[in-house]
Amino acid sequence: MSRQTVSTQIREQLLRRITTGELAPGARIPSERELSDQFQVARTSVREAIQGLLSLGVIERRGNRTCVAEHLPDVTVEPDGDRQKSFVRELFE
């Protein structure tokens, strides 16, 4: 049984949008205010999610704007078990 923080859930939803192409490389990420209204959460949770995506290298700051990285990092997890996936997920967090 795993519990996810609100910021983790937001980060995963944004990451899903990026990987599916809904947010294309170079596209501007909506503002913290827009995302907090969209997800109906505090801006602090959005800020933490954005910081997590910055750490992964999936998004980048360009001046005052946050955009999807032009070249997404190539992170793969071998399909030989959930334990390894969990370790990688914890490592990035």
C-alpha atoms as a PDB file:
ATOM      1  CA  MET A   1       0.000   0.000   0.000  1.00  0.00           C
ATOM      2  CA  SER A   2       1.504   3.330  -0.994  1.00  0.00           C
ATOM      3  CA  ARG A   3       0.468   6.837  -0.100  1.00  0.00           C
ATOM      4  CA  GLN A   4       1.254   9.640  -2.466  1.00  0.00           C
ATOM      5  CA  THR A   5       1.521  13.270  -1.600  1.00  0.00           C
ATOM      6  CA  VAL A   6      -0.517  15.815  -3.507  1.00  0.00           C
ATOM      7  CA  SER A   7       2.656  17.178  -5.111  1.00  0.00           C
ATOM      8  CA  THR A   8       3.608  13.676  -6.289  1.00  0.00           C
ATOM      9  CA  GLN A   9       0.196  13.199  -7.880  1.00  0.00           C
ATOM     10  CA  ILE A  10       0.468  16.561  -9.651  1.00  0.00           C
ATOM     11  CA  ARG A  11       3.997  15.772 -10.810  1.00  0.00           C
ATOM     12  CA  GLU A  12       2.863  12.431 -12.240  1.00  0.00           C
ATOM     13  CA  GLN A  13      -0.069  14.025 -14.068  1.00  0.00           C
ATOM     14  CA  LEU A  14       2.169  16.712 -15.576  1.00  0.00           C
ATOM     15  CA  LEU A  15       4.757  14.085 -16.514  1.00  0.00           C
ATOM     16  CA  ARG A  16       2.016  12.045 -18.192  1.00  0.00           C
ATOM     17  CA  ARG A  17       0.979  15.117 -20.222  1.00  0.00           C
ATOM     18  CA  ILE A  18       4.581  15.617 -21.293  1.00  0.00           C
ATOM     19  CA  THR A  19       5.229  11.993 -22.240  1.00  0.00           C
ATOM     20  CA  THR A  20       1.967  11.716 -24.190  1.00  0.00           C
ATOM     21  CA  GLY A  21       2.755  14.884 -26.133  1.00  0.00           C
ATOM     22  CA  GLU A  22      -0.091  16.955 -24.717  1.00  0.00           C
ATOM     23  CA  LEU A  23       2.669  19.307 -23.553  1.00  0.00           C
ATOM     24  CA  ALA A  24       5.170  19.283 -26.414  1.00  0.00           C
ATOM     25  CA  PRO A  25       8.921  19.970 -26.101  1.00  0.00           C
ATOM     26  CA  GLY A  26       9.433  23.707 -25.735  1.00  0.00           C
ATOM     27  CA  ALA A  27       5.821  24.288 -24.666  1.00  0.00           C
ATOM     28  CA  ARG A  28       5.241  26.650 -21.793  1.00  0.00           C
ATOM     29  CA  ILE A  29       4.011  25.097 -18.558  1.00  0.00           C
ATOM     30  CA  PRO A  30       0.933  26.870 -17.133  1.00  0.00           C
ATOM     31  CA  SER A  31       1.632  29.228 -14.218  1.00  0.00           C
ATOM     32  CA  GLU A  32       1.524  28.025 -10.619  1.00  0.00           C
ATOM     33  CA  ARG A  33      -1.719  29.921 -10.160  1.00  0.00           C
ATOM     34  CA  GLU A  34      -3.309  28.294 -13.215  1.00  0.00           C
ATOM     35  CA  LEU A  35      -2.173  24.821 -12.133  1.00  0.00           C
ATOM     36  CA  SER A  36      -3.354  25.323  -8.552  1.00  0.00           C
ATOM     37  CA  ASP A  37      -6.781  26.376  -9.874  1.00  0.00           C
ATOM     38  CA  GLN A  38      -6.846  23.467 -12.305  1.00  0.00           C
ATOM     39  CA  PHE A  39      -5.898  20.844  -9.690  1.00  0.00           C
ATOM     40  CA  GLN A  40      -7.739  22.676  -6.876  1.00  0.00           C
ATOM     41  CA  VAL A  41      -4.714  22.556  -4.581  1.00  0.00           C
ATOM     42  CA  ALA A  42      -2.428  25.034  -2.829  1.00  0.00           C
ATOM     43  CA  ARG A  43       0.338  26.667  -4.839  1.00  0.00           C
ATOM     44  CA  THR A  44       2.876  25.056  -2.486  1.00  0.00           C
ATOM     45  CA  SER A  45       1.929  21.609  -3.813  1.00  0.00           C
ATOM     46  CA  VAL A  46       2.257  22.826  -7.399  1.00  0.00           C
ATOM     47  CA  ARG A  47       5.630  24.411  -6.600  1.00  0.00           C
ATOM     48  CA  GLU A  48       6.907  21.100  -5.160  1.00  0.00           C
ATOM     49  CA  ALA A  49       5.690  19.199  -8.229  1.00  0.00           C
ATOM     50  CA  ILE A  50       7.421  21.679 -10.548  1.00  0.00           C
ATOM     51  CA  GLN A  51      10.644  21.372  -8.537  1.00  0.00           C
ATOM     52  CA  GLY A  52      10.484  17.589  -8.887  1.00  0.00           C
ATOM     53  CA  LEU A  53      10.115  17.871 -12.669  1.00  0.00           C
ATOM     54  CA  LEU A  54      13.003  20.357 -12.786  1.00  0.00           C
ATOM     55  CA  SER A  55      15.145  17.857 -10.873  1.00  0.00           C
ATOM     56  CA  LEU A  56      14.267  15.142 -13.377  1.00  0.00           C
ATOM     57  CA  GLY A  57      15.295  17.414 -16.238  1.00  0.00           C
ATOM     58  CA  VAL A  58      11.872  17.113 -17.862  1.00  0.00           C
ATOM     59  CA  ILE A  59      11.182  20.826 -17.625  1.00  0.00           C
ATOM     60  CA  GLU A  60      13.498  23.816 -17.482  1.00  0.00           C
ATOM     61  CA  ARG A  61      13.375  27.452 -16.479  1.00  0.00           C
ATOM     62  CA  ARG A  62      13.827  30.125 -19.130  1.00  0.00           C
ATOM     63  CA  GLY A  63      13.875  33.445 -17.345  1.00  0.00           C
ATOM     64  CA  ASN A  64      10.539  33.731 -15.565  1.00  0.00           C
ATOM     65  CA  ARG A  65       8.969  30.955 -17.616  1.00  0.00           C
ATOM     66  CA  THR A  66       8.926  27.214 -17.137  1.00  0.00           C
ATOM     67  CA  CYS A  67       8.947  25.107 -20.301  1.00  0.00           C
ATOM     68  CA  VAL A  68       9.079  21.460 -21.292  1.00  0.00           C
ATOM     69  CA  ALA A  69      12.680  20.527 -22.014  1.00  0.00           C
ATOM     70  CA  GLU A  70      13.546  20.334 -25.712  1.00  0.00           C
ATOM     71  CA  HIS A  71      15.341  17.010 -25.196  1.00  0.00           C
ATOM     72  CA  LEU A  72      13.781  14.824 -22.548  1.00  0.00           C
ATOM     73  CA  PRO A  73      16.175  12.762 -20.419  1.00  0.00           C
ATOM     74  CA  ASP A  74      16.288   9.085 -21.269  1.00  0.00           C
ATOM     75  CA  VAL A  75      15.386   7.267 -18.061  1.00  0.00           C
ATOM     76  CA  THR A  76      14.303   3.662 -18.373  1.00  0.00           C
ATOM     77  CA  VAL A  77      13.524   1.043 -15.789  1.00  0.00           C
ATOM     78  CA  GLU A  78      14.072  -2.624 -16.505  1.00  0.00           C
ATOM     79  CA  PRO A  79      10.835  -4.610 -16.398  1.00  0.00           C
ATOM     80  CA  ASP A  80      12.178  -7.155 -13.894  1.00  0.00           C
ATOM     81  CA  GLY A  81      10.252  -6.057 -10.847  1.00  0.00           C
ATOM     82  CA  ASP A  82       8.405  -3.441  -8.922  1.00  0.00           C
ATOM     83  CA  ARG A  83      11.167  -3.197  -6.318  1.00  0.00           C
ATOM     84  CA  GLN A  84      13.546  -1.662  -8.846  1.00  0.00           C
ATOM     85  CA  LYS A  85      10.874   0.745 -10.107  1.00  0.00           C
ATOM     86  CA  SER A  86      10.142   1.770  -6.544  1.00  0.00           C
ATOM     87  CA  PHE A  87      13.834   2.386  -5.891  1.00  0.00           C
ATOM     88  CA  VAL A  88      14.180   4.593  -8.972  1.00  0.00           C
ATOM     89  CA  ARG A  89      11.029   6.521  -8.072  1.00  0.00           C
ATOM     90  CA  GLU A  90      12.318   7.110  -4.528  1.00  0.00           C
ATOM     91  CA  LEU A  91      15.699   8.120  -5.867  1.00  0.00           C
ATOM     92  CA  PHE A  92      14.152  10.838  -8.048  1.00  0.00           C
ATOM     93  CA  GLU A  93      11.959  12.059  -5.195  1.00  0.00           C
END
